[in-house]
Amino acid sequence: IIRLRSLNASTDISALARKVVEECKVIHPSKLAEVEHLLLYLQNRKKPSSKCKELLPFEGMEDWKHSVELATTLINILCFSSFSQFHGLITHYKIGALCMNIIEHELKKYDLWQDELEKKSKAFILFDPENQRLRKEHEKTLKKYQSLLVKQEQLLRVAFYLLLNLSEDTRTELKMRNKNIVHLLVKSLERDNEELLVLVVCFLKKLSIFLENKNDMAEMDTVKKLARLVSCEDEELMNITLRLLHNLSFDTGLHTKIVHVGLLRKLTDLLGDDTHKHIAMRIPYHISVDDKSKSMFAYTDCIPQLMQMVFEHGEERIDTELISFCINLAANKTNAQIICEGNGLKMLMKRALKLKDPLLMKMIRNISQHDGPLKQLFIDYVGYLAAQIKQEGDEEFVIECLGTMANLTIPVELKTNNCFTPNCRYLKVKVKCSAEDDLILEVVIMIGTVSMDNSCAVVLAKSGIISALIELLNAQQEDDEFVCQIIYVFYQMVFHQATRDVIIKDTQAPAYLIDLMHDKNVEIRQVCDNTLDIIAEYDEEWGKKIQSEKFRWHNSQWLEMVESRQMEDAEPYLYGDEPGALEQPDLFYSTDGMMAPEPGLSPDFYSQGNMLTVTVYAHLIHISFLSSGADGRPATAYGFRPDEPFFHSYSSTR
């Protein structure tokens, strides 16, 4: 607070201004003229009061609309807003709210200027472009507009600067948001003044860490307005713009927007710029997480630049951001093809095997998942990958090697003898041991892949791995991923006669599959159904049990539906008002349309007295439900053996 007790009509303003600047350390000497201008204004006021002498910046604020220069000077004098100790004083006099009113007013004036300038420009062009009078008038208007614009942007800069300082307090920032500060800032992005733009973008970056502000920016198409600033010459402005875009890129909804406005190519071009490449890489990395946007990188120079950066690391581990970016891109087939061009895959594999880098091997694993010619590129490396599996070392690296091999559904000879047979014992040991779940899961997936080959499946069956898988199924019955992958192994094995006989005759795998036939997980149900259909086709006894279980399930669902309808319906009869409606024999004793024939069952099955009447069958279903226990996957086998009687052995006559 500056107290001006000696200010009166006869005061030497120049001398007083020098004294104020000398004694007030927060006012820079360069502001002398502005202080003198303000003192002169206070001296000439009609009714000076003691209060305006005590608080020189605040009392002149009420006349800000009359002079842009005055408003700029008054706000500029409040340079002590940089110090949080003065924020309480500034807030007390509501200077922040006043600054927002000033900004809003000036932005409306700017829109009016733009409209007026556009109208005069059209009039000049349409009527007579060669008319000197109109030309001079147009040039005069344009010059006046540019002069006003310079003064206005200076006012906006000092006003935003004060608000930015006050926003250190989140409560004050919330008040600003409620007064639509984001709208005012985004509107100001249309300007060309670099100093103003740096301040505005910096303010937006600070606000963007809050979800509500980020959503406001998304609604106002902020990304499109920022696109032109990414290629600007001002290094500071570009850097702060990239940081704002980085904050906004956490919103998955803005990924597509960044691509559509053409920012992706600009960002990838900055990967070669040492000044901006680190922050420029983070934005496309976030975009690469979105599967819909991955393919867009194939139309830029991004992938060749990333590959060059990977190989420039020498013996050192690759930066986490860089390799994570590459891993995401490799999940897209088109990108993977670009990565493998030339000796790309060879150099990646050589580096991964030498350094035992699990993240680089994860990138290779993503490449290996794509069908087509890409898988054939791995033919020369199957032996090297198989050798890594048996070695003791980094478990994460071994997991990625297993996953890569599991993806290689390539010709049979690659997995037999030299590559697969030596690793069969390792696979069985890992299935039975107490290793990490991730490692065991990759082993199961690997077994499922090699089981596609008849000779490999025979080796696995003879090794006793099927029993180990059933034990693992019991232990991991609550993990859908484990259950699905183990069932997939059985599905692959039942295609081959040797392994099919082992599964059907020597194990209780079919019983477990029947248990899981009605699992809540859709994928598990689908794999179970496909596997059981094959088993039913080749084994008559299991086929009858599978058929009966399916029939039992469908009837139980029908009974449940009937009971629920009876509880909801207030009518005395479900099928109408006729009490004898349910006694019509043609409703129950005809088998036509009751169930579709299942693979592996002959028509004789329905004509040998094995078809139950609904009354008796419903009774059996009810008993079965009472003894079935809690929902979920059972920990033991189905609960019967092939020599036990089954539901379809009961019969009833008309």
Foldseek 3Di string as FASTA:
>chain_A
DAAQPPQELPDDLLVVLVVCPVVDVLDDPVCSVLSSVLSVVLHPDPDRDRVCNRPVLQPVLVCCVVDLSNLLSSLVRVSVLLPVVCLVVCVVSPVLVSLVVLLVVLLVVLVVLVVVLVVLVVVCVPPDVPDPVSVVVNVVSVVVSVVVVVSSLSSNQSSLVSLLSSCVPVVSVVVCVVVPVLVSLLSVLVDDPQSSLLSSLLSLLVVLLDPVSLVVCVVVLSLLSLQVQCPDPDPSNNQSSLSSLLSSLLDQVCLVVCVVSPNVQSLLVCCPPPSRNVSSLSNVLSSLQDPVRLVVCLVHCNLVSLLVQCVVPPLDDRDPSSLSSLLSSLLDQSSLVVCPPDPNLVVLVVNCLVNVDLSSLSSVLSNLQDDDPSLVVCLVPLLVLLVVCPDDDDLSSVLSSLSSLLNNLDDLVSQPDRRPPVCLVVLLCLLQDPDDPSSVLSSLSSLLSNLLDQVSVLSNLVVVSLVSLLLSCLVPVVPVSSLLSSLSSLQSNCVHPNSVCCPVPVHLVLQLLLLQCPPPDPSSVVSSVNNQLSNLQVDVLSVVVSVVSVLLVVLVVVVVVVVVVVVVDPDPDPVDDDPCPVVPVVVWPDPPPSDDDGRNDDPVLVVPQLDETSVVSVVVSVVCVVPVDDDGRDSDGNPDDSVDDDNSVDGDDD
